[in-house]
Amino acid sequence: MSDLTAMPLPIILALCFLGGLALGYAYFRAMRSTAESIVRGGSPLLALALTLGRLALLVAGFYLAVLAGGLALLAALAGVLVTKSLMVRQARRGTP
């Protein structure tokens, strides 16, 4: 495994922010699919699998960011929060 601390800090922070954006997008898309499945009366097992999967993905992503350091973890969290705000804004525009 390569040593992440050997890379320059700005590159690590940028990569963690972009990873946080991707992580947040996957997390909140899975949350939306879970909610739609529950509302439409879909399979409870699918809703459970999506819930466990998105939580496992979030934990794994933040664990990788922790390995790169505290600032990298904050950058990844910032990416997730930016994605959340963008997706909430998008959902509000879609509803009348």
Protein backbone atom coordinates (compact mmCIF):
# COMPACT_ATOMS: atom_id res chain seq x y z
CA MET A 1 0.00 0.00 0.00
CA SER A 2 1.37 3.42 -0.90
CA ASP A 3 2.01 6.03 1.72
CA LEU A 4 -0.53 8.83 1.26
CA THR A 5 1.42 11.20 3.46
CA ALA A 6 4.24 11.28 0.86
CA MET A 7 1.96 13.24 -1.51
CA PRO A 8 1.71 17.04 -1.22
CA LEU A 9 -1.08 18.17 1.11
CA PRO A 10 -3.05 20.20 -1.49
CA ILE A 11 -3.27 17.16 -3.76
CA ILE A 12 -4.44 14.94 -0.89
CA LEU A 13 -7.09 17.49 0.12
CA ALA A 14 -8.32 17.90 -3.47
CA LEU A 15 -8.56 14.15 -3.96
CA CYS A 16 -10.39 13.69 -0.67
CA PHE A 17 -12.82 16.50 -1.53
CA LEU A 18 -13.54 14.93 -4.93
CA GLY A 19 -13.87 11.53 -3.28
CA GLY A 20 -16.30 13.07 -0.79
CA LEU A 21 -18.36 14.47 -3.67
CA ALA A 22 -18.56 11.02 -5.26
CA LEU A 23 -19.25 9.38 -1.90
CA GLY A 24 -22.01 11.86 -1.12
CA TYR A 25 -23.60 11.41 -4.52
CA ALA A 26 -23.68 7.63 -4.15
CA TYR A 27 -24.97 7.89 -0.58
CA PHE A 28 -27.80 10.30 -1.31
CA ARG A 29 -28.83 8.55 -4.54
CA ALA A 30 -29.13 5.32 -2.56
CA MET A 31 -31.11 7.17 0.11
CA ARG A 32 -33.48 8.49 -2.55
CA SER A 33 -33.92 5.00 -4.00
CA THR A 34 -34.60 3.63 -0.52
CA ALA A 35 -37.26 6.28 0.14
CA GLU A 36 -38.89 5.68 -3.24
CA SER A 37 -38.91 1.94 -2.62
CA ILE A 38 -40.58 2.38 0.76
CA VAL A 39 -43.19 4.85 -0.55
CA ARG A 40 -44.07 2.68 -3.54
CA GLY A 41 -44.44 -0.41 -1.39
CA GLY A 42 -41.41 -2.12 -2.85
CA SER A 43 -39.40 -4.91 -1.38
CA PRO A 44 -38.39 -4.35 2.24
CA LEU A 45 -35.27 -6.45 1.63
CA LEU A 46 -34.17 -4.09 -1.14
CA ALA A 47 -34.68 -1.10 1.15
CA LEU A 48 -32.69 -2.82 3.90
CA ALA A 49 -29.89 -3.75 1.49
CA LEU A 50 -29.68 -0.19 0.17
CA THR A 51 -29.57 1.19 3.70
CA LEU A 52 -26.82 -1.17 4.83
CA GLY A 53 -24.91 -0.68 1.59
CA ARG A 54 -24.92 3.10 1.75
CA LEU A 55 -23.84 3.10 5.39
CA ALA A 56 -21.03 0.65 4.65
CA LEU A 57 -19.92 2.80 1.71
CA LEU A 58 -19.88 5.92 3.88
CA VAL A 59 -17.91 4.22 6.64
CA ALA A 60 -15.38 2.80 4.17
CA GLY A 61 -14.93 6.15 2.44
CA PHE A 62 -14.39 8.03 5.69
CA TYR A 63 -12.02 5.32 6.91
CA LEU A 64 -9.86 5.82 3.83
CA ALA A 65 -9.90 9.56 4.46
CA VAL A 66 -8.86 9.01 8.09
CA LEU A 67 -5.82 7.10 6.85
CA ALA A 68 -4.75 10.25 5.00
CA GLY A 69 -5.13 12.44 8.10
CA GLY A 70 -7.51 14.77 9.87
CA LEU A 71 -7.54 17.49 7.21
CA ALA A 72 -8.27 14.90 4.55
CA LEU A 73 -11.21 13.65 6.60
CA LEU A 74 -12.56 17.20 6.84
CA ALA A 75 -12.13 17.64 3.08
CA ALA A 76 -14.06 14.42 2.42
CA LEU A 77 -16.80 15.53 4.82
CA ALA A 78 -16.98 18.88 3.05
CA GLY A 79 -17.45 17.06 -0.26
CA VAL A 80 -20.31 15.00 1.17
CA LEU A 81 -21.98 18.12 2.59
CA VAL A 82 -21.64 20.03 -0.69
CA THR A 83 -23.24 17.12 -2.52
CA LYS A 84 -26.05 17.03 0.04
CA SER A 85 -26.83 20.70 -0.41
CA LEU A 86 -26.77 20.40 -4.21
CA MET A 87 -29.07 17.38 -4.20
CA VAL A 88 -31.51 19.01 -1.76
CA ARG A 89 -31.60 22.12 -3.94
CA GLN A 90 -32.22 19.95 -7.00
CA ALA A 91 -35.06 18.08 -5.24
CA ARG A 92 -36.71 21.34 -4.17
CA ARG A 93 -36.69 22.64 -7.75
CA GLY A 94 -38.29 19.42 -8.97
CA THR A 95 -41.31 19.67 -6.68
CA PRO A 96 -44.10 22.20 -7.35
